[in-house]
């Protein structure tokens, strides 16, 4: 169990349709023996959607992890200096977050957590979930694929007929991707 005893930062951004399956993976990571530091973007922490109420997601995540969710920029900044994480996962990682990571924009708790974590040269795992991955964000995904310390959960087209430019990660690969990223290896294939 490669995750046993590891400190995993788990960042959720606003692709709300994936939250149900993503939260199941938080439980799986905890069951692997890791401690999970949860982080949410402003929108993930505050918005109610047709997929659920923010309050309910927050309560469930805090119950699973036994930790309060980091949801303010100032609370995310110490992650790196205090060496709070061995590895970090952004799942779901929206196109907005991908673009900000690729272009050095740090204006949310999610991005600050990632930036602070990366200062220690630890792996950052991206679980893509965006409707513009094969259009406006394709170049940003390419940038991150070519950066040191970035790893990707395998992904596929979400629905090629009704959403031909959309990509979504496969949650069943999260734990294995984390384990391999800790060994500085990208799980293959990336494209499912």
N, C-alpha and C. Protein backbone atom coordinates (compact mmCIF):
# COMPACT_ATOMS: atom_id res chain seq x y z
N UNK A 1 0.85 -1.19 0.00
CA UNK A 1 0.00 0.00 0.00
C UNK A 1 0.88 1.24 0.00
N UNK A 2 1.12 1.75 -1.21
CA UNK A 2 2.03 2.87 -1.36
C UNK A 2 1.50 4.17 -0.77
N UNK A 3 0.21 4.28 -0.55
CA UNK A 3 -0.34 5.52 0.01
C UNK A 3 -0.34 5.51 1.54
N UNK A 4 -0.08 4.37 2.14
CA UNK A 4 -0.11 4.28 3.59
C UNK A 4 0.90 5.25 4.21
N UNK A 5 0.41 6.08 5.11
CA UNK A 5 1.26 7.05 5.79
C UNK A 5 1.55 8.31 5.00
N UNK A 6 1.06 8.40 3.78
CA UNK A 6 1.30 9.58 2.95
C UNK A 6 0.29 10.68 3.28
N UNK A 7 0.73 11.91 3.06
CA UNK A 7 -0.13 13.08 3.25
C UNK A 7 -0.56 13.54 1.86
N UNK A 8 -1.85 13.35 1.58
CA UNK A 8 -2.40 13.63 0.25
C UNK A 8 -3.26 14.89 0.29
N UNK A 9 -2.88 15.88 -0.48
CA UNK A 9 -3.75 17.04 -0.67
C UNK A 9 -4.78 16.67 -1.72
N UNK A 10 -6.04 16.88 -1.42
CA UNK A 10 -7.11 16.54 -2.36
C UNK A 10 -7.91 17.81 -2.63
N UNK A 11 -7.76 18.35 -3.83
CA UNK A 11 -8.36 19.62 -4.22
C UNK A 11 -9.54 19.37 -5.14
N UNK A 12 -10.68 19.95 -4.81
CA UNK A 12 -11.86 19.86 -5.66
C UNK A 12 -12.14 21.22 -6.26
N UNK A 13 -12.33 21.25 -7.59
CA UNK A 13 -12.77 22.47 -8.26
C UNK A 13 -14.15 22.21 -8.85
N UNK A 14 -14.70 23.15 -9.57
CA UNK A 14 -16.12 23.18 -9.85
C UNK A 14 -16.75 22.31 -10.90
N UNK A 15 -16.22 21.18 -11.25
CA UNK A 15 -16.91 20.28 -12.17
C UNK A 15 -17.84 19.39 -11.35
N UNK A 16 -18.95 19.97 -10.94
CA UNK A 16 -19.83 19.38 -9.94
C UNK A 16 -20.42 18.02 -10.33
N UNK A 17 -20.54 17.77 -11.63
CA UNK A 17 -21.11 16.50 -12.08
C UNK A 17 -20.24 15.31 -11.69
N UNK A 18 -18.98 15.55 -11.34
CA UNK A 18 -18.08 14.45 -10.96
C UNK A 18 -17.96 14.28 -9.46
N UNK A 19 -18.56 15.15 -8.67
CA UNK A 19 -18.35 15.14 -7.21
C UNK A 19 -18.70 13.81 -6.55
N UNK A 20 -19.80 13.21 -6.93
CA UNK A 20 -20.22 11.96 -6.28
C UNK A 20 -19.12 10.91 -6.39
N UNK A 21 -18.61 10.68 -7.61
CA UNK A 21 -17.56 9.68 -7.80
C UNK A 21 -16.23 10.13 -7.21
N UNK A 22 -15.97 11.42 -7.26
CA UNK A 22 -14.71 11.95 -6.72
C UNK A 22 -14.66 11.76 -5.20
N UNK A 23 -15.75 12.02 -4.53
CA UNK A 23 -15.78 11.87 -3.07
C UNK A 23 -15.60 10.40 -2.68
N UNK A 24 -16.10 9.49 -3.48
CA UNK A 24 -15.85 8.06 -3.23
C UNK A 24 -14.35 7.76 -3.26
N UNK A 25 -13.62 8.44 -4.13
CA UNK A 25 -12.18 8.22 -4.21
C UNK A 25 -11.45 8.81 -3.01
N UNK A 26 -11.98 9.87 -2.43
CA UNK A 26 -11.39 10.38 -1.18
C UNK A 26 -11.45 9.28 -0.13
N UNK A 27 -12.59 8.63 -0.04
CA UNK A 27 -12.75 7.52 0.91
C UNK A 27 -11.75 6.40 0.62
N UNK A 28 -11.57 6.07 -0.65
CA UNK A 28 -10.62 5.01 -1.03
C UNK A 28 -9.20 5.37 -0.62
N UNK A 29 -8.83 6.62 -0.78
CA UNK A 29 -7.48 7.06 -0.41
C UNK A 29 -7.30 6.96 1.11
N UNK A 30 -8.30 7.36 1.85
CA UNK A 30 -8.24 7.23 3.32
C UNK A 30 -8.15 5.75 3.70
N UNK A 31 -8.92 4.91 3.02
CA UNK A 31 -8.89 3.47 3.29
C UNK A 31 -7.53 2.84 2.96
N UNK A 32 -6.77 3.49 2.09
CA UNK A 32 -5.42 3.02 1.76
C UNK A 32 -4.42 3.40 2.85
N UNK A 33 -4.86 4.15 3.84
CA UNK A 33 -3.98 4.52 4.95
C UNK A 33 -3.36 5.89 4.85
N UNK A 34 -3.79 6.69 3.89
CA UNK A 34 -3.26 8.05 3.74
C UNK A 34 -4.08 9.02 4.58
N UNK A 35 -3.45 10.12 4.97
CA UNK A 35 -4.21 11.22 5.55
C UNK A 35 -4.49 12.21 4.43
N UNK A 36 -5.70 12.71 4.39
CA UNK A 36 -6.13 13.59 3.30
C UNK A 36 -6.38 14.99 3.83
N UNK A 37 -5.73 15.96 3.20
CA UNK A 37 -5.96 17.38 3.48
C UNK A 37 -6.88 17.89 2.38
N UNK A 38 -8.15 18.14 2.67
CA UNK A 38 -9.07 18.59 1.63
C UNK A 38 -8.97 20.10 1.38
N UNK A 39 -9.06 20.46 0.09
CA UNK A 39 -9.05 21.85 -0.34
C UNK A 39 -10.17 22.00 -1.36
N UNK A 40 -10.86 23.12 -1.32
CA UNK A 40 -11.89 23.39 -2.33
C UNK A 40 -11.71 24.79 -2.88
N UNK A 41 -11.99 24.94 -4.18
CA UNK A 41 -12.00 26.26 -4.79
C UNK A 41 -13.17 27.05 -4.20
N UNK A 42 -13.16 28.35 -4.44
CA UNK A 42 -14.26 29.18 -3.94
C UNK A 42 -15.61 28.63 -4.41
N UNK A 43 -15.72 28.34 -5.72
CA UNK A 43 -17.00 27.88 -6.26
C UNK A 43 -17.38 26.50 -5.73
N UNK A 44 -16.43 25.59 -5.67
CA UNK A 44 -16.73 24.25 -5.16
C UNK A 44 -17.23 24.32 -3.72
N UNK A 45 -16.68 25.24 -2.94
CA UNK A 45 -17.04 25.35 -1.53
C UNK A 45 -18.38 26.06 -1.31
N UNK A 46 -18.76 26.94 -2.22
CA UNK A 46 -19.90 27.83 -1.97
C UNK A 46 -21.15 27.60 -2.80
N UNK A 47 -21.05 26.93 -3.93
CA UNK A 47 -22.19 26.86 -4.84
C UNK A 47 -23.03 25.60 -4.65
N UNK A 48 -24.34 25.80 -4.60
CA UNK A 48 -25.29 24.70 -4.69
C UNK A 48 -25.62 24.52 -6.17
N UNK A 49 -25.69 23.28 -6.63
CA UNK A 49 -26.00 23.01 -8.03
C UNK A 49 -27.03 21.89 -8.11
N UNK A 50 -27.41 21.54 -9.31
CA UNK A 50 -28.36 20.42 -9.49
C UNK A 50 -27.74 19.09 -9.05
N UNK A 51 -26.42 19.08 -8.84
CA UNK A 51 -25.74 17.86 -8.42
C UNK A 51 -25.63 17.73 -6.91
N UNK A 52 -26.02 18.78 -6.19
CA UNK A 52 -26.00 18.71 -4.73
C UNK A 52 -25.73 20.06 -4.09
N UNK A 53 -25.90 20.09 -2.78
CA UNK A 53 -25.68 21.30 -2.00
C UNK A 53 -24.25 21.32 -1.47
N UNK A 54 -23.63 22.50 -1.52
CA UNK A 54 -22.26 22.66 -1.05
C UNK A 54 -22.12 22.18 0.39
N UNK A 55 -23.06 22.53 1.23
CA UNK A 55 -23.01 22.16 2.65
C UNK A 55 -22.93 20.64 2.82
N UNK A 56 -23.68 19.90 2.01
CA UNK A 56 -23.68 18.44 2.10
C UNK A 56 -22.33 17.85 1.66
N UNK A 57 -21.77 18.39 0.57
CA UNK A 57 -20.46 17.92 0.12
C UNK A 57 -19.39 18.21 1.18
N UNK A 58 -19.44 19.41 1.75
CA UNK A 58 -18.46 19.81 2.77
C UNK A 58 -18.53 18.86 3.97
N UNK A 59 -19.74 18.62 4.45
CA UNK A 59 -19.91 17.74 5.60
C UNK A 59 -19.39 16.33 5.32
N UNK A 60 -19.68 15.82 4.14
CA UNK A 60 -19.24 14.46 3.79
C UNK A 60 -17.72 14.38 3.69
N UNK A 61 -17.11 15.35 3.04
CA UNK A 61 -15.65 15.35 2.88
C UNK A 61 -14.96 15.48 4.23
N UNK A 62 -15.46 16.38 5.08
CA UNK A 62 -14.85 16.56 6.39
C UNK A 62 -15.04 15.33 7.28
N UNK A 63 -16.15 14.64 7.12
CA UNK A 63 -16.39 13.41 7.87
C UNK A 63 -15.41 12.31 7.43
N UNK A 64 -15.22 12.17 6.12
CA UNK A 64 -14.32 11.14 5.59
C UNK A 64 -12.87 11.42 5.99
N UNK A 65 -12.44 12.66 5.84
CA UNK A 65 -11.02 13.00 6.05
C UNK A 65 -10.68 13.32 7.50
N UNK A 66 -11.69 13.65 8.28
CA UNK A 66 -11.48 14.10 9.67
C UNK A 66 -10.67 15.40 9.72
N UNK A 67 -10.71 16.16 8.62
CA UNK A 67 -10.02 17.44 8.53
C UNK A 67 -10.98 18.51 8.00
N UNK A 68 -10.79 19.74 8.45
CA UNK A 68 -11.53 20.87 7.91
C UNK A 68 -11.03 21.17 6.51
N UNK A 69 -11.93 21.58 5.65
CA UNK A 69 -11.57 21.91 4.28
C UNK A 69 -10.89 23.27 4.24
N UNK A 70 -9.77 23.33 3.54
CA UNK A 70 -9.12 24.61 3.26
C UNK A 70 -9.89 25.24 2.11
N UNK A 71 -10.38 26.45 2.31
CA UNK A 71 -11.20 27.09 1.27
C UNK A 71 -10.91 28.58 1.12
N UNK A 72 -9.81 29.03 1.70
CA UNK A 72 -9.38 30.42 1.55
C UNK A 72 -7.92 30.43 1.09
N UNK A 73 -7.57 31.41 0.27
CA UNK A 73 -6.21 31.50 -0.26
C UNK A 73 -5.18 31.55 0.87
N UNK A 74 -5.44 32.38 1.87
CA UNK A 74 -4.45 32.54 2.95
C UNK A 74 -4.23 31.24 3.73
N UNK A 75 -5.23 30.37 3.77
CA UNK A 75 -5.07 29.09 4.48
C UNK A 75 -4.37 28.04 3.61
N UNK A 76 -4.39 28.23 2.29
CA UNK A 76 -3.74 27.29 1.38
C UNK A 76 -2.24 27.58 1.23
N UNK A 77 -1.84 28.81 1.42
CA UNK A 77 -0.44 29.20 1.20
C UNK A 77 0.55 28.43 2.07
N UNK A 78 0.27 28.11 3.34
CA UNK A 78 1.25 27.39 4.16
C UNK A 78 1.48 25.93 3.80
N UNK A 79 0.71 25.38 2.87
CA UNK A 79 0.84 23.95 2.54
C UNK A 79 2.28 23.59 2.19
N UNK A 80 2.91 24.36 1.35
CA UNK A 80 4.29 24.08 0.96
C UNK A 80 5.29 24.36 2.07
N UNK A 81 5.30 25.58 2.62
CA UNK A 81 6.28 25.88 3.67
C UNK A 81 6.20 24.93 4.87
N UNK A 82 5.00 24.48 5.21
CA UNK A 82 4.84 23.58 6.36
C UNK A 82 4.95 22.10 5.96
N UNK A 83 5.22 21.86 4.66
CA UNK A 83 5.35 20.48 4.15
C UNK A 83 4.15 19.61 4.56
N UNK A 84 2.96 20.15 4.29
CA UNK A 84 1.73 19.48 4.70
C UNK A 84 1.34 18.32 3.79
N UNK A 85 1.93 18.25 2.57
CA UNK A 85 1.52 17.23 1.60
C UNK A 85 2.73 16.57 0.95
N UNK A 86 2.61 15.25 0.72
CA UNK A 86 3.61 14.50 -0.04
C UNK A 86 3.25 14.49 -1.52
N UNK A 87 1.96 14.52 -1.79
CA UNK A 87 1.43 14.50 -3.15
C UNK A 87 0.10 15.25 -3.10
N UNK A 88 -0.27 15.84 -4.23
CA UNK A 88 -1.54 16.56 -4.30
C UNK A 88 -2.26 16.14 -5.56
N UNK A 89 -3.59 16.06 -5.44
CA UNK A 89 -4.47 15.70 -6.55
C UNK A 89 -5.51 16.79 -6.70
N UNK A 90 -5.72 17.25 -7.92
CA UNK A 90 -6.83 18.15 -8.21
C UNK A 90 -7.84 17.34 -8.99
N UNK A 91 -8.96 17.02 -8.33
CA UNK A 91 -10.00 16.17 -8.93
C UNK A 91 -11.37 16.60 -8.42
N UNK A 92 -12.21 17.10 -9.25
CA UNK A 92 -12.01 17.36 -10.67
C UNK A 92 -11.17 18.62 -10.88
N UNK A 93 -10.47 18.65 -12.01
CA UNK A 93 -9.68 19.82 -12.38
C UNK A 93 -10.34 20.44 -13.60
N UNK A 94 -10.97 21.58 -13.39
CA UNK A 94 -11.71 22.25 -14.46
C UNK A 94 -10.77 22.91 -15.48
N UNK A 95 -11.33 23.27 -16.61
CA UNK A 95 -10.56 24.01 -17.61
C UNK A 95 -10.06 25.33 -17.06
N UNK A 96 -10.84 25.98 -16.24
CA UNK A 96 -10.44 27.24 -15.62
C UNK A 96 -9.18 27.03 -14.78
N UNK A 97 -9.18 25.98 -13.99
CA UNK A 97 -8.03 25.68 -13.13
C UNK A 97 -6.82 25.28 -13.97
N UNK A 98 -7.03 24.47 -15.00
CA UNK A 98 -5.95 24.07 -15.90
C UNK A 98 -5.31 25.30 -16.53
N UNK A 99 -6.13 26.23 -17.03
CA UNK A 99 -5.61 27.44 -17.66
C UNK A 99 -4.80 28.28 -16.67
N UNK A 100 -5.28 28.38 -15.45
CA UNK A 100 -4.56 29.16 -14.44
C UNK A 100 -3.23 28.50 -14.07
N UNK A 101 -3.22 27.18 -13.93
CA UNK A 101 -1.98 26.47 -13.65
C UNK A 101 -0.97 26.68 -14.78
N UNK A 102 -1.44 26.56 -16.01
CA UNK A 102 -0.55 26.68 -17.17
C UNK A 102 0.01 28.09 -17.32
N UNK A 103 -0.74 29.08 -16.84
CA UNK A 103 -0.35 30.48 -17.07
C UNK A 103 0.05 31.23 -15.81
N UNK A 104 0.23 30.52 -14.71
CA UNK A 104 0.75 31.14 -13.50
C UNK A 104 -0.18 32.11 -12.81
N UNK A 105 -1.47 31.88 -12.89
CA UNK A 105 -2.45 32.75 -12.24
C UNK A 105 -2.86 32.10 -10.92
N UNK A 106 -2.66 32.82 -9.83
CA UNK A 106 -2.94 32.26 -8.50
C UNK A 106 -3.99 33.12 -7.81
N UNK A 107 -5.26 32.78 -8.03
CA UNK A 107 -6.32 33.61 -7.45
C UNK A 107 -7.44 32.81 -6.80
N UNK A 108 -7.17 31.54 -6.50
CA UNK A 108 -8.15 30.72 -5.79
C UNK A 108 -7.41 29.86 -4.77
N UNK A 109 -8.12 29.33 -3.77
CA UNK A 109 -7.48 28.42 -2.83
C UNK A 109 -6.91 27.18 -3.52
N UNK A 110 -7.58 26.71 -4.57
CA UNK A 110 -7.13 25.52 -5.28
C UNK A 110 -5.78 25.76 -5.93
N UNK A 111 -5.63 26.88 -6.62
CA UNK A 111 -4.37 27.19 -7.30
C UNK A 111 -3.28 27.50 -6.28
N UNK A 112 -3.61 28.22 -5.23
CA UNK A 112 -2.61 28.52 -4.20
C UNK A 112 -2.11 27.23 -3.55
N UNK A 113 -3.02 26.30 -3.30
CA UNK A 113 -2.62 25.02 -2.71
C UNK A 113 -1.64 24.30 -3.64
N UNK A 114 -1.95 24.25 -4.93
CA UNK A 114 -1.08 23.59 -5.90
C UNK A 114 0.27 24.29 -5.99
N UNK A 115 0.24 25.60 -6.10
CA UNK A 115 1.49 26.36 -6.22
C UNK A 115 2.36 26.17 -4.98
N UNK A 116 1.76 26.24 -3.82
CA UNK A 116 2.50 26.08 -2.57
C UNK A 116 3.07 24.66 -2.46
N UNK A 117 2.26 23.68 -2.82
CA UNK A 117 2.70 22.28 -2.81
C UNK A 117 3.88 22.05 -3.74
N UNK A 118 3.82 22.62 -4.95
CA UNK A 118 4.86 22.40 -5.96
C UNK A 118 6.21 22.99 -5.56
N UNK A 119 6.22 23.94 -4.65
CA UNK A 119 7.51 24.53 -4.26
C UNK A 119 8.45 23.49 -3.65
N UNK A 120 7.90 22.35 -3.20
CA UNK A 120 8.70 21.28 -2.62
C UNK A 120 9.06 20.20 -3.65
N UNK A 121 8.76 20.47 -4.92
CA UNK A 121 9.03 19.51 -6.01
C UNK A 121 8.33 18.18 -5.80
N UNK A 122 7.15 18.23 -5.19
CA UNK A 122 6.35 17.02 -5.01
C UNK A 122 5.36 16.88 -6.16
N UNK A 123 4.90 15.66 -6.43
CA UNK A 123 4.00 15.43 -7.56
C UNK A 123 2.63 16.08 -7.38
N UNK A 124 2.15 16.65 -8.49
CA UNK A 124 0.80 17.20 -8.57
C UNK A 124 0.05 16.41 -9.64
N UNK A 125 -1.04 15.79 -9.25
CA UNK A 125 -1.82 14.94 -10.15
C UNK A 125 -3.07 15.71 -10.58
N UNK A 126 -3.33 15.70 -11.89
CA UNK A 126 -4.45 16.42 -12.48
C UNK A 126 -5.48 15.41 -12.98
N UNK A 127 -6.73 15.60 -12.58
CA UNK A 127 -7.85 14.79 -13.08
C UNK A 127 -8.75 15.71 -13.90
N UNK A 128 -8.52 15.73 -15.20
CA UNK A 128 -9.18 16.66 -16.12
C UNK A 128 -10.69 16.41 -16.16
N UNK A 129 -11.44 17.50 -16.08
CA UNK A 129 -12.89 17.44 -16.28
C UNK A 129 -13.34 18.80 -16.80
N UNK A 130 -13.41 18.90 -18.13
CA UNK A 130 -13.78 20.19 -18.73
C UNK A 130 -14.39 20.00 -20.12
N UNK A 131 -15.34 20.85 -20.44
CA UNK A 131 -16.02 20.79 -21.73
C UNK A 131 -15.18 21.38 -22.87
N UNK A 132 -14.08 22.07 -22.56
CA UNK A 132 -13.29 22.69 -23.62
C UNK A 132 -11.88 22.10 -23.74
N UNK A 133 -11.70 20.88 -23.28
CA UNK A 133 -10.37 20.26 -23.29
C UNK A 133 -9.82 20.04 -24.69
N UNK A 134 -10.68 19.79 -25.66
CA UNK A 134 -10.23 19.56 -27.03
C UNK A 134 -10.44 20.80 -27.90
N UNK A 135 -10.54 21.94 -27.24
CA UNK A 135 -10.61 23.22 -27.97
C UNK A 135 -9.76 24.22 -27.21
N UNK A 136 -10.37 25.17 -26.53
CA UNK A 136 -9.63 26.25 -25.87
C UNK A 136 -8.60 25.83 -24.86
N UNK A 137 -8.79 24.71 -24.20
CA UNK A 137 -7.85 24.29 -23.16
C UNK A 137 -6.86 23.22 -23.61
N UNK A 138 -6.93 22.80 -24.86
CA UNK A 138 -6.00 21.78 -25.35
C UNK A 138 -4.55 22.24 -25.18
N UNK A 139 -4.28 23.50 -25.49
CA UNK A 139 -2.89 23.98 -25.37
C UNK A 139 -2.44 24.00 -23.91
N UNK A 140 -3.35 24.32 -22.99
CA UNK A 140 -2.99 24.36 -21.57
C UNK A 140 -2.73 22.96 -21.02
N UNK A 141 -3.50 22.00 -21.45
CA UNK A 141 -3.25 20.60 -21.06
C UNK A 141 -1.88 20.18 -21.59
N UNK A 142 -1.57 20.56 -22.82
CA UNK A 142 -0.27 20.25 -23.40
C UNK A 142 0.87 20.87 -22.61
N UNK A 143 0.68 22.10 -22.15
CA UNK A 143 1.71 22.76 -21.34
C UNK A 143 1.95 21.96 -20.06
N UNK A 144 0.88 21.56 -19.39
CA UNK A 144 1.04 20.83 -18.12
C UNK A 144 1.60 19.44 -18.33
N UNK A 145 1.26 18.80 -19.44
CA UNK A 145 1.82 17.48 -19.74
C UNK A 145 3.34 17.53 -19.88
N UNK A 146 3.86 18.69 -20.21
CA UNK A 146 5.29 18.86 -20.43
C UNK A 146 6.01 19.52 -19.26
N UNK A 147 5.35 19.70 -18.14
CA UNK A 147 5.98 20.30 -16.97
C UNK A 147 6.43 19.22 -15.99
N UNK A 148 7.52 19.51 -15.32
CA UNK A 148 7.99 18.62 -14.26
C UNK A 148 6.99 18.58 -13.12
N UNK A 149 6.86 17.44 -12.50
CA UNK A 149 6.04 17.21 -11.31
C UNK A 149 4.54 17.17 -11.57
N UNK A 150 4.11 17.22 -12.82
CA UNK A 150 2.69 17.11 -13.17
C UNK A 150 2.42 15.71 -13.71
N UNK A 151 1.34 15.10 -13.24
CA UNK A 151 0.92 13.78 -13.68
C UNK A 151 -0.58 13.82 -13.91
N UNK A 152 -1.08 12.95 -14.78
CA UNK A 152 -2.49 12.98 -15.15
C UNK A 152 -3.18 11.65 -14.86
N UNK A 153 -4.38 11.74 -14.29
CA UNK A 153 -5.26 10.59 -14.18
C UNK A 153 -5.75 10.31 -15.61
N UNK A 154 -5.75 9.07 -16.07
CA UNK A 154 -6.23 8.78 -17.42
C UNK A 154 -7.62 9.37 -17.68
N UNK A 155 -7.79 9.88 -18.91
CA UNK A 155 -9.05 10.55 -19.26
C UNK A 155 -9.51 10.11 -20.64
N UNK A 156 -10.77 10.43 -20.92
CA UNK A 156 -11.40 10.07 -22.20
C UNK A 156 -12.39 11.16 -22.58
N UNK A 157 -12.90 11.05 -23.79
CA UNK A 157 -13.97 11.96 -24.16
C UNK A 157 -15.18 11.66 -23.28
N UNK A 158 -15.82 12.71 -22.85
CA UNK A 158 -16.97 12.58 -21.96
C UNK A 158 -18.15 12.00 -22.72
N UNK A 159 -18.57 12.67 -23.77
CA UNK A 159 -19.64 12.20 -24.63
C UNK A 159 -19.36 12.76 -26.02
N UNK A 160 -18.72 11.97 -26.89
CA UNK A 160 -18.28 12.48 -28.18
C UNK A 160 -19.41 13.00 -29.08
N UNK A 161 -20.62 12.56 -28.86
CA UNK A 161 -21.73 12.99 -29.71
C UNK A 161 -22.27 14.34 -29.27
N UNK A 162 -22.62 14.48 -28.01
CA UNK A 162 -23.23 15.73 -27.55
C UNK A 162 -22.23 16.75 -27.00
N UNK A 163 -21.02 16.26 -26.62
CA UNK A 163 -19.99 17.17 -26.10
C UNK A 163 -18.64 16.78 -26.72
N UNK A 164 -18.46 17.04 -28.01
CA UNK A 164 -17.29 16.53 -28.73
C UNK A 164 -15.94 17.10 -28.28
N UNK A 165 -15.92 18.16 -27.51
CA UNK A 165 -14.66 18.75 -27.06
C UNK A 165 -14.39 18.52 -25.57
N UNK A 166 -15.24 17.72 -24.95
CA UNK A 166 -15.18 17.50 -23.51
C UNK A 166 -14.33 16.28 -23.16
N UNK A 167 -13.53 16.41 -22.09
CA UNK A 167 -12.77 15.29 -21.54
C UNK A 167 -13.12 15.13 -20.07
N UNK A 168 -13.05 13.89 -19.59
CA UNK A 168 -13.29 13.62 -18.18
C UNK A 168 -12.36 12.48 -17.73
N UNK A 169 -11.86 12.62 -16.52
CA UNK A 169 -10.98 11.59 -15.95
C UNK A 169 -11.80 10.37 -15.56
N UNK A 170 -11.12 9.24 -15.44
CA UNK A 170 -11.76 8.02 -14.97
C UNK A 170 -11.38 7.82 -13.51
N UNK A 171 -12.33 7.97 -12.58
CA UNK A 171 -12.00 7.91 -11.16
C UNK A 171 -11.37 6.60 -10.70
N UNK A 172 -11.62 5.50 -11.39
CA UNK A 172 -11.07 4.22 -10.93
C UNK A 172 -9.55 4.18 -11.03
N UNK A 173 -8.95 5.14 -11.73
CA UNK A 173 -7.49 5.20 -11.86
C UNK A 173 -6.82 6.14 -10.87
N UNK A 174 -7.58 6.80 -10.02
CA UNK A 174 -6.99 7.81 -9.13
C UNK A 174 -5.93 7.21 -8.21
N UNK A 175 -6.25 6.17 -7.49
CA UNK A 175 -5.30 5.61 -6.52
C UNK A 175 -4.04 5.12 -7.23
N UNK A 176 -4.18 4.41 -8.32
CA UNK A 176 -3.01 3.91 -9.05
C UNK A 176 -2.18 5.06 -9.61
N UNK A 177 -2.83 6.12 -10.09
CA UNK A 177 -2.09 7.28 -10.60
C UNK A 177 -1.28 7.92 -9.48
N UNK A 178 -1.89 8.06 -8.30
CA UNK A 178 -1.17 8.62 -7.16
C UNK A 178 0.04 7.76 -6.80
N UNK A 179 -0.17 6.47 -6.75
CA UNK A 179 0.93 5.56 -6.39
C UNK A 179 2.09 5.68 -7.38
N UNK A 180 1.77 5.72 -8.66
CA UNK A 180 2.83 5.81 -9.68
C UNK A 180 3.50 7.19 -9.65
N UNK A 181 2.71 8.24 -9.43
CA UNK A 181 3.27 9.59 -9.38
C UNK A 181 4.25 9.73 -8.21
N UNK A 182 3.98 9.04 -7.12
CA UNK A 182 4.92 9.05 -6.00
C UNK A 182 6.27 8.44 -6.41
N UNK A 183 6.23 7.53 -7.39
CA UNK A 183 7.46 6.95 -7.95
C UNK A 183 7.96 7.74 -9.16
N UNK A 184 7.33 8.89 -9.41
CA UNK A 184 7.70 9.78 -10.53
C UNK A 184 7.47 9.12 -11.89
N UNK A 185 6.38 8.36 -11.98
CA UNK A 185 5.99 7.72 -13.23
C UNK A 185 4.58 8.13 -13.60
N UNK A 186 4.36 8.36 -14.89
CA UNK A 186 3.03 8.65 -15.41
C UNK A 186 2.35 7.34 -15.76
N UNK A 187 1.17 7.10 -15.19
CA UNK A 187 0.40 5.91 -15.54
C UNK A 187 0.10 5.95 -17.04
N UNK A 188 0.08 4.78 -17.64
CA UNK A 188 -0.21 4.69 -19.07
C UNK A 188 -1.31 3.67 -19.30
N UNK A 189 -2.13 3.82 -20.32
CA UNK A 189 -2.17 4.98 -21.20
C UNK A 189 -2.88 6.16 -20.50
N UNK A 190 -2.54 7.37 -20.92
CA UNK A 190 -3.22 8.56 -20.40
C UNK A 190 -4.59 8.69 -21.05
N UNK A 191 -4.64 8.40 -22.35
CA UNK A 191 -5.89 8.50 -23.09
C UNK A 191 -6.58 7.15 -23.14
N UNK A 192 -7.81 7.11 -22.66
CA UNK A 192 -8.57 5.85 -22.61
C UNK A 192 -9.45 5.70 -23.84
